[in-house]
Amino acid sequence: MGISDNTLTLTRALKLVFEGSRPALGDFLRLFWPSIRTYDTAEIPADEIPTSRKLARYREMNGASNIFAFIPGKGIVYDPPTLAESTPITEELARAVTAGLEASAPAQQHTLEKMSQIRSAHDGLFISALVKQAMDILTFGKFQPKGKGGANIGGVFDFGRDPANAIAPAASAIAQMQAAYDQYKAKGGTSVNLVALIGSNVLSNLEQDGDFMNALKLQGLYAGHSRLVGDNRVVADIIPGGFKIPGRAARCNLLVFDESYEDETGSLVPYMNPNGIIFTSLNAPRIQIYGGIYVVNQSTKRGRMYKGEMISDAHVKIDPDVYVLRSQSRPLLIPGDIDSVVYAEITGG
């Protein structure tokens, strides 16, 4: 399998066109994982530096300084998993009408447009897989790559979340939100930009909770509204400006994520547990990293590592003639502080 210099140039040019029109799911990633770094290496080193919440201590007159035991950070090397999708352009597909083009358009134009549309489709697949990875990390504190048929690919990326950050299920959404906030603060979380990402059943639970509705009414005296609203974005902000968590001196934004993906059987599965609550801060450090992709140049027969969010290449098969377009990506979503995410659940819809 190889890649020609012309195809590489074409890939880069087309990538600028379709990357700006990624599926709306990309909004989810931009909200929770806004930072992106790409590498041309297979393994990516990352340093983790612990922070201390201790106070400096006073000393007596002419006394010795207090001894502070510094805890050094630790180095971690990540080897991101690989997403890879190939689409063959067979003789039948090459002859097929290309959406958006006149049938009389030159054959080369049809081919180029098909390639662009295929890359866009690959990009959509990768975004969907990345959102699933993000939801697994936010929900479980770890991520297991899956291949065909749901088979495990490689090991688990376990970020070591404190087991106490998974709150035992309970009936009341408000009580679970309070418990999630308390645990979040116990782990040293910041009070800035707090959000509660909730499933559809949790929203229904809140709408029937008298304490929650009363809290909105109290807020309405000052904020000018006492109602739930929504919008048509992928991540819907239910209460613009946020709301005060009943019984807690804190405000947070209430967000709902109700999108689904298609599993191996063709069934739609929600990315987020409808009964789930993910409590965190948008200020918590998170980063998307992309490892290098090894590609062999078809002309020179030499390989090299390329960096990017998605790398596309192509090769040909003869008799029958098939042009195969391949896209690869090695993404890993790293939470800088996994304990800044608390997960809770309600027991029913």
Protein backbone atom coordinates (compact mmCIF):
# COMPACT_ATOMS: atom_id res chain seq x y z
CA MET A 1 0.00 0.00 0.00
CA GLY A 2 1.42 3.35 -0.92
CA ILE A 3 0.80 6.99 -1.59
CA SER A 4 1.89 9.18 -4.44
CA ASP A 5 3.21 12.70 -4.01
CA ASN A 6 0.32 14.02 -6.11
CA THR A 7 -2.23 12.30 -3.90
CA LEU A 8 -0.64 13.76 -0.79
CA THR A 9 -0.89 17.26 -2.20
CA LEU A 10 -4.48 16.62 -3.20
CA THR A 11 -5.29 15.20 0.23
CA ARG A 12 -4.04 18.30 1.99
CA ALA A 13 -5.94 20.64 -0.32
CA LEU A 14 -9.23 18.76 0.01
CA LYS A 15 -8.77 18.33 3.76
CA LEU A 16 -8.94 22.10 4.23
CA VAL A 17 -12.26 22.11 2.40
CA PHE A 18 -14.15 19.36 4.18
CA GLU A 19 -12.64 19.62 7.65
CA GLY A 20 -14.48 22.89 8.23
CA SER A 21 -17.82 21.16 7.65
CA ARG A 22 -17.36 18.30 10.08
CA PRO A 23 -20.49 16.78 11.61
CA ALA A 24 -22.15 18.77 14.38
CA LEU A 25 -20.80 16.15 16.82
CA GLY A 26 -17.53 18.04 16.60
CA ASP A 27 -19.15 20.71 18.81
CA PHE A 28 -19.11 18.22 21.68
CA LEU A 29 -15.36 17.69 21.34
CA ARG A 30 -14.64 21.39 21.00
CA LEU A 31 -16.54 22.02 24.24
CA PHE A 32 -14.92 19.38 26.44
CA TRP A 33 -11.59 18.81 24.64
CA PRO A 34 -10.75 22.17 23.03
CA SER A 35 -6.95 21.74 22.83
CA ILE A 36 -5.41 19.68 20.01
CA ARG A 37 -1.86 18.52 19.42
CA THR A 38 -0.54 16.37 16.58
CA TYR A 39 2.72 14.41 16.52
CA ASP A 40 4.80 12.60 13.95
CA THR A 41 5.88 9.96 16.47
CA ALA A 42 4.18 6.71 17.41
CA GLU A 43 4.54 7.21 21.17
CA ILE A 44 3.74 10.49 22.91
CA PRO A 45 5.31 11.44 26.27
CA ALA A 46 3.25 13.40 28.79
CA ASP A 47 4.23 14.67 32.23
CA GLU A 48 1.79 14.79 35.12
CA ILE A 49 2.57 17.31 37.89
CA PRO A 50 0.56 17.05 41.13
CA THR A 51 -0.70 20.21 42.84
CA SER A 52 -0.84 20.80 46.59
CA ARG A 53 -3.65 22.47 48.56
CA LYS A 54 -1.60 22.77 51.75
CA LEU A 55 -0.94 26.09 53.47
CA ALA A 56 2.49 27.56 54.06
CA ARG A 57 3.28 27.46 57.80
CA TYR A 58 4.67 30.18 60.05
CA ARG A 59 7.84 29.69 62.07
CA GLU A 60 9.00 30.90 65.50
CA MET A 61 11.43 33.83 65.87
CA ASN A 62 14.91 32.52 64.97
CA GLY A 63 13.31 29.17 64.21
CA ALA A 64 14.09 26.86 61.32
CA SER A 65 12.05 26.77 58.15
CA ASN A 66 9.27 24.24 57.94
CA ILE A 67 10.01 21.13 55.89
CA PHE A 68 7.84 20.76 52.82
CA ALA A 69 7.99 17.35 51.18
CA PHE A 70 7.85 17.97 47.44
CA ILE A 71 6.20 15.21 45.42
CA PRO A 72 7.66 15.06 41.90
CA GLY A 73 5.49 14.46 38.89
CA LYS A 74 5.56 11.35 36.78
CA GLY A 75 6.18 10.78 33.12
CA ILE A 76 3.68 8.83 31.07
CA VAL A 77 4.09 7.61 27.50
CA TYR A 78 0.89 7.17 25.49
CA ASP A 79 0.57 5.00 22.39
CA PRO A 80 -2.77 6.09 20.84
CA PRO A 81 -4.94 3.45 19.12
CA THR A 82 -5.40 3.55 15.35
CA LEU A 83 -8.63 4.21 13.47
CA ALA A 84 -8.48 3.07 9.83
CA GLU A 85 -11.16 2.99 7.14
CA SER A 86 -10.74 2.11 3.45
CA THR A 87 -13.25 2.63 0.62
CA PRO A 88 -12.69 0.98 -2.78
CA ILE A 89 -13.69 2.97 -5.86
CA THR A 90 -14.67 0.12 -8.15
CA GLU A 91 -15.56 0.39 -11.85
CA GLU A 92 -19.24 0.45 -10.88
CA LEU A 93 -18.75 3.27 -8.36
CA ALA A 94 -16.52 5.21 -10.77
CA ARG A 95 -19.32 5.13 -13.39
CA ALA A 96 -22.02 6.14 -10.91
CA VAL A 97 -23.42 9.67 -10.92
CA THR A 98 -21.64 11.95 -8.45
CA ALA A 99 -23.91 14.00 -6.21
CA GLY A 100 -23.54 17.71 -6.90
CA LEU A 101 -22.09 17.30 -10.40
CA GLU A 102 -23.66 17.24 -13.84
CA ALA A 103 -23.50 13.86 -15.58
CA SER A 104 -21.64 15.57 -18.43
CA ALA A 105 -18.84 16.82 -16.15
CA PRO A 106 -15.33 15.54 -17.00
CA ALA A 107 -14.49 12.09 -15.62
CA GLN A 108 -11.56 13.49 -13.61
CA GLN A 109 -13.90 15.95 -11.89
CA HIS A 110 -16.24 13.11 -10.95
CA THR A 111 -13.33 11.16 -9.47
CA LEU A 112 -12.05 14.10 -7.46
CA GLU A 113 -15.52 14.87 -6.08
CA LYS A 114 -16.05 11.23 -5.10
CA MET A 115 -12.71 11.25 -3.29
CA SER A 116 -13.67 14.41 -1.42
CA GLN A 117 -17.03 12.94 -0.39
CA ILE A 118 -15.42 9.67 0.73
CA ARG A 119 -12.90 11.56 2.88
CA SER A 120 -15.75 13.53 4.41
CA ALA A 121 -17.53 10.26 5.21
CA HIS A 122 -14.36 8.85 6.79
CA ASP A 123 -14.01 12.02 8.85
CA GLY A 124 -17.58 11.62 10.09
CA LEU A 125 -16.83 8.04 11.16
CA PHE A 126 -13.74 9.17 13.04
CA ILE A 127 -15.57 11.99 14.82
CA SER A 128 -18.27 9.56 15.95
CA ALA A 129 -15.62 7.15 17.30
CA LEU A 130 -13.89 10.02 19.08
CA VAL A 131 -17.11 11.20 20.76
CA LYS A 132 -17.69 7.62 21.94
CA GLN A 133 -14.15 7.61 23.36
CA ALA A 134 -14.85 10.92 25.11
CA MET A 135 -18.08 9.64 26.67
CA ASP A 136 -16.37 6.47 27.91
CA ILE A 137 -13.64 8.52 29.59
CA LEU A 138 -16.10 10.97 31.17
CA THR A 139 -18.37 8.14 32.35
CA PHE A 140 -15.93 5.44 33.43
CA GLY A 141 -12.57 7.22 33.71
CA LYS A 142 -11.12 4.83 31.13
CA PHE A 143 -11.41 3.78 27.51
CA GLN A 144 -11.22 0.40 25.75
CA PRO A 145 -10.72 0.57 21.94
CA LYS A 146 -13.10 -1.72 20.05
CA GLY A 147 -12.74 -3.30 16.60
CA LYS A 148 -15.02 -5.32 14.34
CA GLY A 149 -17.82 -7.07 16.16
CA GLY A 150 -17.05 -5.15 19.33
CA ALA A 151 -13.80 -7.07 19.92
CA ASN A 152 -11.26 -5.40 22.20
CA ILE A 153 -8.26 -3.90 20.40
CA GLY A 154 -5.19 -3.59 22.62
CA GLY A 155 -5.33 -2.72 26.29
CA VAL A 156 -7.46 -0.35 28.33
CA PHE A 157 -6.46 3.30 28.68
CA ASP A 158 -7.18 3.68 32.39
CA PHE A 159 -6.62 7.20 33.70
CA GLY A 160 -6.91 6.12 37.35
CA ARG A 161 -10.03 7.94 38.45
CA ASP A 162 -10.86 7.71 42.17
CA PRO A 163 -13.62 5.05 42.58
CA ALA A 164 -15.41 7.54 44.86
CA ASN A 165 -15.96 9.73 41.77
CA ALA A 166 -18.60 7.25 40.62
CA ILE A 167 -21.65 8.01 42.79
CA ALA A 168 -23.97 5.10 43.64
CA PRO A 169 -27.34 5.33 41.82
CA ALA A 170 -30.25 7.03 43.58
CA ALA A 171 -33.75 8.14 42.64
CA SER A 172 -33.45 11.93 42.90
CA ALA A 173 -31.55 13.82 40.21
CA ILE A 174 -31.13 16.83 42.51
CA ALA A 175 -29.67 14.64 45.28
CA GLN A 176 -27.28 13.08 42.77
CA MET A 177 -26.21 16.47 41.50
CA GLN A 178 -25.54 17.60 45.07
CA ALA A 179 -23.53 14.44 45.76
CA ALA A 180 -21.57 14.89 42.53
CA TYR A 181 -20.76 18.50 43.42
CA ASP A 182 -19.66 17.53 46.95
CA GLN A 183 -17.34 14.83 45.61
CA TYR A 184 -16.00 17.18 42.94
CA LYS A 185 -15.12 19.79 45.59
CA ALA A 186 -13.63 17.11 47.86
CA LYS A 187 -11.16 16.34 45.05
CA GLY A 188 -10.13 19.99 44.83
CA GLY A 189 -12.16 20.99 41.78
CA THR A 190 -12.41 24.65 40.76
CA SER A 191 -15.75 26.47 41.10
CA VAL A 192 -15.33 28.17 37.71
CA ASN A 193 -17.30 27.11 34.62
CA LEU A 194 -19.11 24.21 36.31
CA VAL A 195 -21.34 22.09 34.09
CA ALA A 196 -23.67 19.17 34.64
CA LEU A 197 -24.02 17.14 31.45
CA ILE A 198 -27.20 15.07 31.83
CA GLY A 199 -29.10 12.38 29.97
CA SER A 200 -32.65 12.76 28.70
CA ASN A 201 -34.20 10.81 31.60
CA VAL A 202 -32.39 13.00 34.12
CA LEU A 203 -33.92 16.07 32.50
CA SER A 204 -37.39 14.52 32.83
CA ASN A 205 -36.64 13.74 36.48
CA LEU A 206 -35.65 17.35 37.15
CA GLU A 207 -38.75 18.74 35.46
CA GLN A 208 -40.86 16.78 37.95
CA ASP A 209 -38.79 17.76 40.99
CA GLY A 210 -40.46 20.41 43.14
CA ASP A 211 -37.21 21.53 44.79
CA PHE A 212 -35.60 22.07 41.42
CA MET A 213 -38.52 24.04 40.02
CA ASN A 214 -38.70 26.15 43.18
CA ALA A 215 -34.99 26.89 42.85
CA LEU A 216 -35.63 28.15 39.32
CA LYS A 217 -38.47 30.36 40.56
CA LEU A 218 -36.20 31.88 43.23
CA GLN A 219 -33.55 32.48 40.62
CA GLY A 220 -36.13 34.03 38.31
CA LEU A 221 -36.67 36.94 40.71
CA TYR A 222 -33.18 38.12 39.80
CA ALA A 223 -32.25 36.49 36.51
CA GLY A 224 -35.49 37.45 34.77
CA HIS A 225 -36.66 33.91 34.03
CA SER A 226 -37.89 30.89 35.90
CA ARG A 227 -38.33 28.39 33.12
CA LEU A 228 -36.46 25.62 31.34
CA VAL A 229 -35.47 26.42 27.78
CA GLY A 230 -33.43 24.60 25.19
CA ASP A 231 -31.79 24.99 21.80
CA ASN A 232 -31.07 22.90 18.75
CA ARG A 233 -27.34 22.48 19.24
CA VAL A 234 -25.76 19.06 19.77
CA VAL A 235 -25.05 20.01 23.39
CA ALA A 236 -28.18 21.89 24.49
CA ASP A 237 -27.90 24.55 27.20
CA ILE A 238 -31.15 24.10 29.14
CA ILE A 239 -30.82 27.12 31.45
CA PRO A 240 -28.90 29.98 29.80
CA GLY A 241 -26.70 31.61 32.39
CA GLY A 242 -26.73 28.54 34.63
CA PHE A 243 -28.59 27.84 37.86
CA LYS A 244 -27.79 27.55 41.53
CA ILE A 245 -27.54 23.97 42.76
CA PRO A 246 -30.20 23.70 45.52
CA GLY A 247 -28.56 23.53 48.94
CA ARG A 248 -25.11 24.41 47.60
CA ALA A 249 -23.32 27.73 47.16
CA ALA A 250 -22.52 27.01 43.54
CA ARG A 251 -23.87 27.63 40.06
CA CYS A 252 -23.52 25.39 37.06
CA ASN A 253 -24.78 25.14 33.51
CA LEU A 254 -27.22 22.35 32.76
CA LEU A 255 -26.32 20.69 29.45
CA VAL A 256 -28.10 17.86 27.64
CA PHE A 257 -26.46 15.52 25.11
CA ASP A 258 -28.98 13.24 23.41
CA GLU A 259 -27.20 12.01 20.27
CA SER A 260 -26.86 8.37 19.18
CA TYR A 261 -24.55 6.19 17.11
CA GLU A 262 -25.19 3.06 15.05
CA ASP A 263 -23.73 -0.15 16.50
CA GLU A 264 -22.60 -3.29 14.66
CA THR A 265 -26.20 -4.54 14.41
CA GLY A 266 -27.50 -1.30 12.93
CA SER A 267 -29.28 -0.29 16.13
CA LEU A 268 -29.09 3.26 17.46
CA VAL A 269 -27.35 3.54 20.83
CA PRO A 270 -27.18 6.80 22.84
CA TYR A 271 -23.66 8.09 23.45
CA MET A 272 -24.72 9.16 26.93
CA ASN A 273 -26.59 7.03 29.42
CA PRO A 274 -30.07 8.63 29.60
CA ASN A 275 -29.90 8.19 33.39
CA GLY A 276 -26.39 9.66 33.70
CA ILE A 277 -24.98 12.89 35.14
CA ILE A 278 -21.44 14.02 34.35
CA PHE A 279 -20.29 16.83 36.64
CA THR A 280 -17.12 18.75 35.79
CA SER A 281 -15.65 22.13 34.90
CA LEU A 282 -14.97 23.31 31.38
CA ASN A 283 -11.77 24.81 32.81
CA ALA A 284 -10.42 21.37 33.74
CA PRO A 285 -7.40 20.60 31.52
CA ARG A 286 -8.11 18.21 28.65
CA ILE A 287 -6.27 17.68 25.39
CA GLN A 288 -6.72 15.75 22.15
CA ILE A 289 -3.48 14.12 20.98
CA TYR A 290 -2.92 12.48 17.61
CA GLY A 291 -0.05 10.08 17.08
CA GLY A 292 1.95 9.79 13.86
CA ILE A 293 0.74 7.61 10.97
CA TYR A 294 3.24 5.48 9.01
CA VAL A 295 2.65 5.65 5.26
CA VAL A 296 4.71 4.17 2.39
CA ASN A 297 5.14 6.35 -0.71
CA GLN A 298 4.03 4.34 -3.72
CA SER A 299 6.54 5.99 -6.05
CA THR A 300 9.68 5.83 -3.91
CA LYS A 301 8.67 2.72 -1.92
CA ARG A 302 9.88 4.53 1.20
CA GLY A 303 7.86 5.06 4.34
CA ARG A 304 7.69 7.96 6.76
CA MET A 305 5.60 9.16 9.69
CA TYR A 306 2.99 11.82 8.99
CA LYS A 307 1.22 13.95 11.56
CA GLY A 308 -2.34 15.21 11.45
CA GLU A 309 -5.81 14.57 12.78
CA MET A 310 -6.55 12.38 9.75
CA ILE A 311 -4.15 11.16 7.07
CA SER A 312 -5.53 9.88 3.74
CA ASP A 313 -3.68 7.88 1.12
CA ALA A 314 -4.56 5.62 -1.80
CA HIS A 315 -3.40 2.58 -3.71
CA VAL A 316 -4.56 0.71 -6.80
CA LYS A 317 -5.39 -2.88 -7.63
CA ILE A 318 -5.26 -4.18 -11.19
CA ASP A 319 -7.65 -6.60 -12.97
CA PRO A 320 -10.25 -5.82 -11.83
CA ASP A 321 -9.15 -2.21 -11.50
CA VAL A 322 -9.91 -0.70 -8.12
CA TYR A 323 -8.76 2.58 -6.59
CA VAL A 324 -8.75 2.27 -2.80
CA LEU A 325 -8.91 5.37 -0.64
CA ARG A 326 -7.74 4.92 2.96
CA SER A 327 -7.96 7.26 5.95
CA GLN A 328 -6.22 6.77 9.29
CA SER A 329 -6.08 8.56 12.61
CA ARG A 330 -4.50 7.85 15.99
CA PRO A 331 -6.50 9.91 18.48
CA LEU A 332 -6.42 9.78 22.26
CA LEU A 333 -8.33 12.12 24.54
CA ILE A 334 -6.32 12.84 27.68
CA PRO A 335 -7.95 14.33 30.79
CA GLY A 336 -5.32 16.38 32.62
CA ASP A 337 -7.07 15.61 35.91
CA ILE A 338 -9.50 12.71 35.68
CA ASP A 339 -10.66 13.36 39.25
CA SER A 340 -12.16 16.64 38.05
CA VAL A 341 -14.96 14.52 36.53
CA VAL A 342 -17.65 12.94 38.71
CA TYR A 343 -20.27 10.53 37.36
CA ALA A 344 -23.66 9.90 38.95
CA GLU A 345 -26.79 8.04 37.91
CA ILE A 346 -30.48 8.03 38.71
CA THR A 347 -32.27 4.72 39.15
CA GLY A 348 -35.09 5.26 36.69
CA GLY A 349 -36.36 7.37 33.81
